[in-house]
Amino acid sequence: MTENTKIMNSLATLARDYWRLLRSYERLIAESALNNHNRLKSNYRNAERRLSIVLDEYNLKIISYEGKKYTPNLAVTVVNADEFSDNDELIINQMLEPTVMHGEQVLNIGKAILSKEEDV
């Protein structure tokens, strides 16, 4: 493994974990008192913007397929696949981890929870 590959894999892991942290922070904002709401949202937007700047610098993309129709060719691991049949029309209800890509190369396969399209 080249040094560049190690660096890109480390950045992908860091991006994935930062994304998860932002998602947790987003849930806290939704539950926060109104007097803190604007300040917390501002902090969130700033952190999200800074992540985007770093990702762009290294040609990395974080992809969330939430709300999209599920197809087996997506770069996601489905954690609840055993709950559905092959004929079910499925959508990605929730991303537990994003897919992280460098150009066209998948560095981190996302983790998703599916739902039947009719249940949403």
N, C-alpha and C. Protein backbone atom coordinates (compact mmCIF):
# COMPACT_ATOMS: atom_id res chain seq x y z
N MET A 1 0.85 -1.18 0.00
CA MET A 1 0.00 0.00 0.00
C MET A 1 0.90 1.24 0.00
N THR A 2 0.63 2.14 -0.94
CA THR A 2 1.44 3.35 -1.04
C THR A 2 1.08 4.33 0.08
N GLU A 3 1.96 5.26 0.30
CA GLU A 3 1.73 6.27 1.32
C GLU A 3 0.49 7.10 0.98
N ASN A 4 0.31 7.42 -0.31
CA ASN A 4 -0.84 8.18 -0.75
C ASN A 4 -2.14 7.41 -0.48
N THR A 5 -2.14 6.10 -0.73
CA THR A 5 -3.32 5.27 -0.47
C THR A 5 -3.66 5.26 1.01
N LYS A 6 -2.63 5.16 1.85
CA LYS A 6 -2.86 5.18 3.30
C LYS A 6 -3.49 6.51 3.73
N ILE A 7 -2.97 7.60 3.17
CA ILE A 7 -3.49 8.92 3.51
C ILE A 7 -4.94 9.05 3.07
N MET A 8 -5.25 8.62 1.85
CA MET A 8 -6.62 8.73 1.34
C MET A 8 -7.58 7.86 2.16
N ASN A 9 -7.16 6.66 2.54
CA ASN A 9 -8.00 5.80 3.37
C ASN A 9 -8.23 6.42 4.74
N SER A 10 -7.20 7.03 5.31
CA SER A 10 -7.34 7.71 6.60
C SER A 10 -8.29 8.90 6.50
N LEU A 11 -8.16 9.67 5.42
CA LEU A 11 -9.07 10.80 5.21
C LEU A 11 -10.50 10.32 5.03
N ALA A 12 -10.69 9.21 4.32
CA ALA A 12 -12.03 8.65 4.13
C ALA A 12 -12.64 8.24 5.46
N THR A 13 -11.84 7.61 6.31
CA THR A 13 -12.32 7.20 7.63
C THR A 13 -12.67 8.43 8.47
N LEU A 14 -11.82 9.42 8.43
CA LEU A 14 -12.07 10.66 9.16
C LEU A 14 -13.34 11.35 8.64
N ALA A 15 -13.52 11.39 7.33
CA ALA A 15 -14.72 12.00 6.74
C ALA A 15 -15.97 11.26 7.18
N ARG A 16 -15.93 9.92 7.15
CA ARG A 16 -17.07 9.11 7.58
C ARG A 16 -17.43 9.41 9.03
N ASP A 17 -16.42 9.42 9.89
CA ASP A 17 -16.67 9.65 11.31
C ASP A 17 -17.15 11.07 11.58
N TYR A 18 -16.62 12.05 10.85
CA TYR A 18 -17.04 13.44 10.99
C TYR A 18 -18.50 13.58 10.55
N TRP A 19 -18.86 12.89 9.46
CA TRP A 19 -20.25 12.89 8.98
C TRP A 19 -21.18 12.34 10.06
N ARG A 20 -20.78 11.24 10.67
CA ARG A 20 -21.60 10.64 11.74
C ARG A 20 -21.75 11.61 12.91
N LEU A 21 -20.67 12.29 13.27
CA LEU A 21 -20.71 13.27 14.36
C LEU A 21 -21.65 14.42 14.00
N LEU A 22 -21.58 14.90 12.76
CA LEU A 22 -22.48 15.96 12.33
C LEU A 22 -23.94 15.52 12.40
N ARG A 23 -24.21 14.27 12.02
CA ARG A 23 -25.58 13.76 12.10
C ARG A 23 -26.08 13.73 13.54
N SER A 24 -25.23 13.32 14.46
CA SER A 24 -25.60 13.31 15.88
C SER A 24 -25.85 14.73 16.37
N TYR A 25 -25.00 15.65 15.95
CA TYR A 25 -25.14 17.05 16.33
C TYR A 25 -26.45 17.62 15.78
N GLU A 26 -26.79 17.23 14.56
CA GLU A 26 -28.03 17.68 13.93
C GLU A 26 -29.25 17.23 14.76
N ARG A 27 -29.22 16.00 15.26
CA ARG A 27 -30.31 15.51 16.10
C ARG A 27 -30.39 16.30 17.42
N LEU A 28 -29.24 16.64 17.97
CA LEU A 28 -29.22 17.44 19.20
C LEU A 28 -29.81 18.83 18.97
N ILE A 29 -29.52 19.41 17.82
CA ILE A 29 -30.07 20.72 17.49
C ILE A 29 -31.60 20.65 17.47
N ALA A 30 -32.12 19.61 16.86
CA ALA A 30 -33.58 19.45 16.76
C ALA A 30 -34.22 19.35 18.14
N GLU A 31 -33.51 18.81 19.10
CA GLU A 31 -34.05 18.64 20.45
C GLU A 31 -33.71 19.80 21.39
N SER A 32 -32.92 20.76 20.91
CA SER A 32 -32.43 21.82 21.80
C SER A 32 -33.50 22.89 22.06
N ALA A 33 -33.26 23.64 23.13
CA ALA A 33 -34.13 24.77 23.47
C ALA A 33 -33.98 25.84 22.39
N LEU A 34 -35.04 26.56 22.15
CA LEU A 34 -35.03 27.56 21.09
C LEU A 34 -33.98 28.64 21.28
N ASN A 35 -33.63 28.97 22.52
CA ASN A 35 -32.65 30.02 22.74
C ASN A 35 -31.25 29.62 22.28
N ASN A 36 -30.97 28.34 22.16
CA ASN A 36 -29.67 27.87 21.66
C ASN A 36 -29.71 27.49 20.19
N HIS A 37 -30.89 27.39 19.64
CA HIS A 37 -31.10 26.84 18.31
C HIS A 37 -30.24 27.53 17.23
N ASN A 38 -30.30 28.84 17.15
CA ASN A 38 -29.59 29.56 16.10
C ASN A 38 -28.08 29.41 16.22
N ARG A 39 -27.57 29.48 17.42
CA ARG A 39 -26.12 29.33 17.63
C ARG A 39 -25.66 27.93 17.24
N LEU A 40 -26.42 26.92 17.64
CA LEU A 40 -26.07 25.54 17.31
C LEU A 40 -26.14 25.30 15.81
N LYS A 41 -27.15 25.83 15.15
CA LYS A 41 -27.27 25.68 13.70
C LYS A 41 -26.10 26.36 12.99
N SER A 42 -25.70 27.50 13.49
CA SER A 42 -24.56 28.21 12.91
C SER A 42 -23.28 27.38 13.05
N ASN A 43 -23.08 26.80 14.23
CA ASN A 43 -21.91 25.93 14.44
C ASN A 43 -21.95 24.73 13.51
N TYR A 44 -23.12 24.16 13.32
CA TYR A 44 -23.30 23.01 12.43
C TYR A 44 -22.94 23.38 10.99
N ARG A 45 -23.50 24.48 10.51
CA ARG A 45 -23.21 24.91 9.13
C ARG A 45 -21.72 25.19 8.93
N ASN A 46 -21.08 25.79 9.91
CA ASN A 46 -19.66 26.08 9.83
C ASN A 46 -18.84 24.78 9.76
N ALA A 47 -19.17 23.82 10.61
CA ALA A 47 -18.45 22.54 10.60
C ALA A 47 -18.68 21.79 9.29
N GLU A 48 -19.90 21.83 8.78
CA GLU A 48 -20.23 21.17 7.52
C GLU A 48 -19.46 21.82 6.36
N ARG A 49 -19.38 23.14 6.37
CA ARG A 49 -18.65 23.87 5.33
C ARG A 49 -17.16 23.54 5.37
N ARG A 50 -16.60 23.48 6.57
CA ARG A 50 -15.17 23.16 6.70
C ARG A 50 -14.88 21.75 6.21
N LEU A 51 -15.76 20.81 6.51
CA LEU A 51 -15.59 19.45 6.00
C LEU A 51 -15.63 19.45 4.48
N SER A 52 -16.56 20.17 3.91
CA SER A 52 -16.68 20.24 2.45
C SER A 52 -15.42 20.80 1.80
N ILE A 53 -14.82 21.79 2.41
CA ILE A 53 -13.58 22.39 1.88
C ILE A 53 -12.46 21.36 1.85
N VAL A 54 -12.30 20.61 2.93
CA VAL A 54 -11.24 19.59 3.00
C VAL A 54 -11.51 18.48 1.99
N LEU A 55 -12.76 18.03 1.90
CA LEU A 55 -13.10 16.98 0.95
C LEU A 55 -12.81 17.42 -0.48
N ASP A 56 -13.19 18.63 -0.83
CA ASP A 56 -12.94 19.15 -2.17
C ASP A 56 -11.45 19.21 -2.47
N GLU A 57 -10.66 19.59 -1.48
CA GLU A 57 -9.21 19.71 -1.66
C GLU A 57 -8.58 18.38 -2.07
N TYR A 58 -9.16 17.27 -1.58
CA TYR A 58 -8.61 15.93 -1.87
C TYR A 58 -9.48 15.13 -2.83
N ASN A 59 -10.44 15.79 -3.48
CA ASN A 59 -11.33 15.14 -4.44
C ASN A 59 -12.10 13.97 -3.81
N LEU A 60 -12.54 14.17 -2.58
CA LEU A 60 -13.35 13.18 -1.88
C LEU A 60 -14.80 13.61 -1.88
N LYS A 61 -15.70 12.63 -1.93
CA LYS A 61 -17.13 12.91 -1.86
C LYS A 61 -17.75 12.02 -0.81
N ILE A 62 -18.64 12.60 -0.03
CA ILE A 62 -19.47 11.84 0.90
C ILE A 62 -20.83 11.70 0.24
N ILE A 63 -21.31 10.47 0.14
CA ILE A 63 -22.58 10.22 -0.51
C ILE A 63 -23.55 9.57 0.47
N SER A 64 -24.70 10.21 0.62
CA SER A 64 -25.79 9.64 1.40
C SER A 64 -26.91 9.32 0.42
N TYR A 65 -27.35 8.09 0.42
CA TYR A 65 -28.41 7.66 -0.48
C TYR A 65 -29.79 7.72 0.18
N GLU A 66 -29.89 8.37 1.31
CA GLU A 66 -31.15 8.44 2.05
C GLU A 66 -32.28 8.95 1.16
N GLY A 67 -33.41 8.22 1.18
CA GLY A 67 -34.57 8.62 0.41
C GLY A 67 -34.54 8.15 -1.04
N LYS A 68 -33.45 7.55 -1.45
CA LYS A 68 -33.31 7.08 -2.83
C LYS A 68 -33.76 5.62 -2.94
N LYS A 69 -34.18 5.26 -4.14
CA LYS A 69 -34.56 3.88 -4.40
C LYS A 69 -33.32 3.00 -4.28
N TYR A 70 -33.47 1.87 -3.60
CA TYR A 70 -32.35 0.95 -3.42
C TYR A 70 -32.17 0.08 -4.66
N THR A 71 -30.95 -0.02 -5.11
CA THR A 71 -30.55 -0.97 -6.15
C THR A 71 -29.29 -1.67 -5.66
N PRO A 72 -29.11 -2.92 -5.99
CA PRO A 72 -27.98 -3.69 -5.47
C PRO A 72 -26.60 -3.16 -5.89
N ASN A 73 -26.55 -2.32 -6.92
CA ASN A 73 -25.25 -1.80 -7.36
C ASN A 73 -24.77 -0.60 -6.56
N LEU A 74 -25.57 -0.10 -5.63
CA LEU A 74 -25.13 1.02 -4.80
C LEU A 74 -24.03 0.57 -3.85
N ALA A 75 -23.12 1.47 -3.55
CA ALA A 75 -22.01 1.15 -2.66
C ALA A 75 -22.44 1.27 -1.20
N VAL A 76 -23.35 0.37 -0.80
CA VAL A 76 -23.84 0.32 0.58
C VAL A 76 -23.96 -1.12 1.03
N THR A 77 -23.78 -1.32 2.30
CA THR A 77 -24.08 -2.58 2.96
C THR A 77 -25.42 -2.40 3.65
N VAL A 78 -26.34 -3.28 3.38
CA VAL A 78 -27.68 -3.18 3.96
C VAL A 78 -27.70 -4.00 5.24
N VAL A 79 -28.03 -3.35 6.35
CA VAL A 79 -27.99 -4.04 7.64
C VAL A 79 -29.26 -4.84 7.92
N ASN A 80 -30.34 -4.54 7.21
CA ASN A 80 -31.59 -5.26 7.46
C ASN A 80 -32.09 -5.97 6.20
N ALA A 81 -31.20 -6.46 5.37
CA ALA A 81 -31.56 -7.10 4.10
C ALA A 81 -32.43 -8.33 4.29
N ASP A 82 -32.26 -9.02 5.40
CA ASP A 82 -33.01 -10.26 5.63
C ASP A 82 -34.50 -10.03 5.89
N GLU A 83 -34.92 -8.77 6.01
CA GLU A 83 -36.33 -8.45 6.29
C GLU A 83 -37.17 -8.35 5.02
N PHE A 84 -36.55 -8.48 3.84
CA PHE A 84 -37.26 -8.23 2.59
C PHE A 84 -37.07 -9.36 1.60
N SER A 85 -38.02 -9.44 0.65
CA SER A 85 -37.88 -10.42 -0.43
C SER A 85 -37.28 -9.72 -1.66
N ASP A 86 -36.88 -10.51 -2.63
CA ASP A 86 -36.26 -9.97 -3.85
C ASP A 86 -37.23 -9.12 -4.66
N ASN A 87 -38.52 -9.33 -4.49
CA ASN A 87 -39.52 -8.60 -5.28
C ASN A 87 -39.95 -7.28 -4.65
N ASP A 88 -39.54 -7.00 -3.43
CA ASP A 88 -39.94 -5.77 -2.75
C ASP A 88 -39.30 -4.54 -3.40
N GLU A 89 -40.08 -3.47 -3.54
CA GLU A 89 -39.56 -2.18 -3.97
C GLU A 89 -39.05 -1.49 -2.72
N LEU A 90 -37.75 -1.19 -2.68
CA LEU A 90 -37.12 -0.70 -1.45
C LEU A 90 -36.52 0.68 -1.65
N ILE A 91 -36.53 1.45 -0.57
CA ILE A 91 -35.81 2.72 -0.55
C ILE A 91 -34.86 2.71 0.64
N ILE A 92 -33.88 3.56 0.56
CA ILE A 92 -32.95 3.69 1.67
C ILE A 92 -33.57 4.66 2.66
N ASN A 93 -33.97 4.14 3.78
CA ASN A 93 -34.65 4.91 4.81
C ASN A 93 -33.66 5.72 5.65
N GLN A 94 -32.51 5.11 5.95
CA GLN A 94 -31.54 5.78 6.82
C GLN A 94 -30.14 5.31 6.47
N MET A 95 -29.21 6.26 6.43
CA MET A 95 -27.80 5.92 6.26
C MET A 95 -27.16 5.96 7.65
N LEU A 96 -26.54 4.87 8.05
CA LEU A 96 -25.82 4.82 9.31
C LEU A 96 -24.40 5.34 9.12
N GLU A 97 -23.86 5.08 7.94
CA GLU A 97 -22.55 5.59 7.54
C GLU A 97 -22.64 5.95 6.07
N PRO A 98 -21.96 7.02 5.67
CA PRO A 98 -22.01 7.41 4.26
C PRO A 98 -21.04 6.58 3.42
N THR A 99 -21.24 6.62 2.13
CA THR A 99 -20.25 6.09 1.19
C THR A 99 -19.26 7.22 0.94
N VAL A 100 -17.98 6.90 0.98
CA VAL A 100 -16.95 7.91 0.71
C VAL A 100 -16.19 7.48 -0.53
N MET A 101 -16.08 8.43 -1.47
CA MET A 101 -15.43 8.12 -2.74
C MET A 101 -14.30 9.11 -3.03
N HIS A 102 -13.30 8.61 -3.73
CA HIS A 102 -12.22 9.45 -4.26
C HIS A 102 -12.30 9.31 -5.77
N GLY A 103 -12.83 10.33 -6.42
CA GLY A 103 -13.11 10.20 -7.84
C GLY A 103 -14.17 9.14 -8.03
N GLU A 104 -13.84 8.10 -8.79
CA GLU A 104 -14.77 6.98 -9.01
C GLU A 104 -14.47 5.77 -8.12
N GLN A 105 -13.48 5.90 -7.26
CA GLN A 105 -13.06 4.79 -6.39
C GLN A 105 -13.76 4.88 -5.03
N VAL A 106 -14.41 3.80 -4.64
CA VAL A 106 -15.06 3.73 -3.33
C VAL A 106 -14.01 3.46 -2.27
N LEU A 107 -13.90 4.36 -1.30
CA LEU A 107 -12.96 4.18 -0.19
C LEU A 107 -13.66 3.63 1.04
N ASN A 108 -14.93 3.96 1.21
CA ASN A 108 -15.70 3.50 2.35
C ASN A 108 -17.10 3.15 1.87
N ILE A 109 -17.50 1.90 2.06
CA ILE A 109 -18.84 1.48 1.69
C ILE A 109 -19.79 1.90 2.81
N GLY A 110 -20.87 2.58 2.43
CA GLY A 110 -21.84 3.05 3.41
C GLY A 110 -22.63 1.91 4.03
N LYS A 111 -23.32 2.22 5.11
CA LYS A 111 -24.22 1.27 5.77
C LYS A 111 -25.61 1.88 5.79
N ALA A 112 -26.60 1.08 5.34
CA ALA A 112 -27.94 1.61 5.17
C ALA A 112 -29.00 0.71 5.78
N ILE A 113 -30.12 1.36 6.15
CA ILE A 113 -31.32 0.64 6.60
C ILE A 113 -32.37 0.90 5.52
N LEU A 114 -32.98 -0.20 5.05
CA LEU A 114 -33.99 -0.10 4.00
C LEU A 114 -35.40 -0.15 4.57
N SER A 115 -36.34 0.36 3.76
CA SER A 115 -37.76 0.25 4.04
C SER A 115 -38.46 -0.08 2.74
N LYS A 116 -39.63 -0.71 2.87
CA LYS A 116 -40.44 -0.91 1.67
C LYS A 116 -40.94 0.47 1.22
N GLU A 117 -40.96 0.66 -0.08
CA GLU A 117 -41.37 1.95 -0.62
C GLU A 117 -42.79 2.32 -0.18
N GLU A 118 -43.65 1.35 -0.07
CA GLU A 118 -45.04 1.62 0.32
C GLU A 118 -45.18 2.01 1.79
N ASP A 119 -44.17 1.72 2.62
CA ASP A 119 -44.24 2.02 4.05
C ASP A 119 -43.81 3.45 4.37
N VAL A 120 -43.26 4.13 3.39
CA VAL A 120 -42.72 5.47 3.65
C VAL A 120 -43.72 6.54 3.32
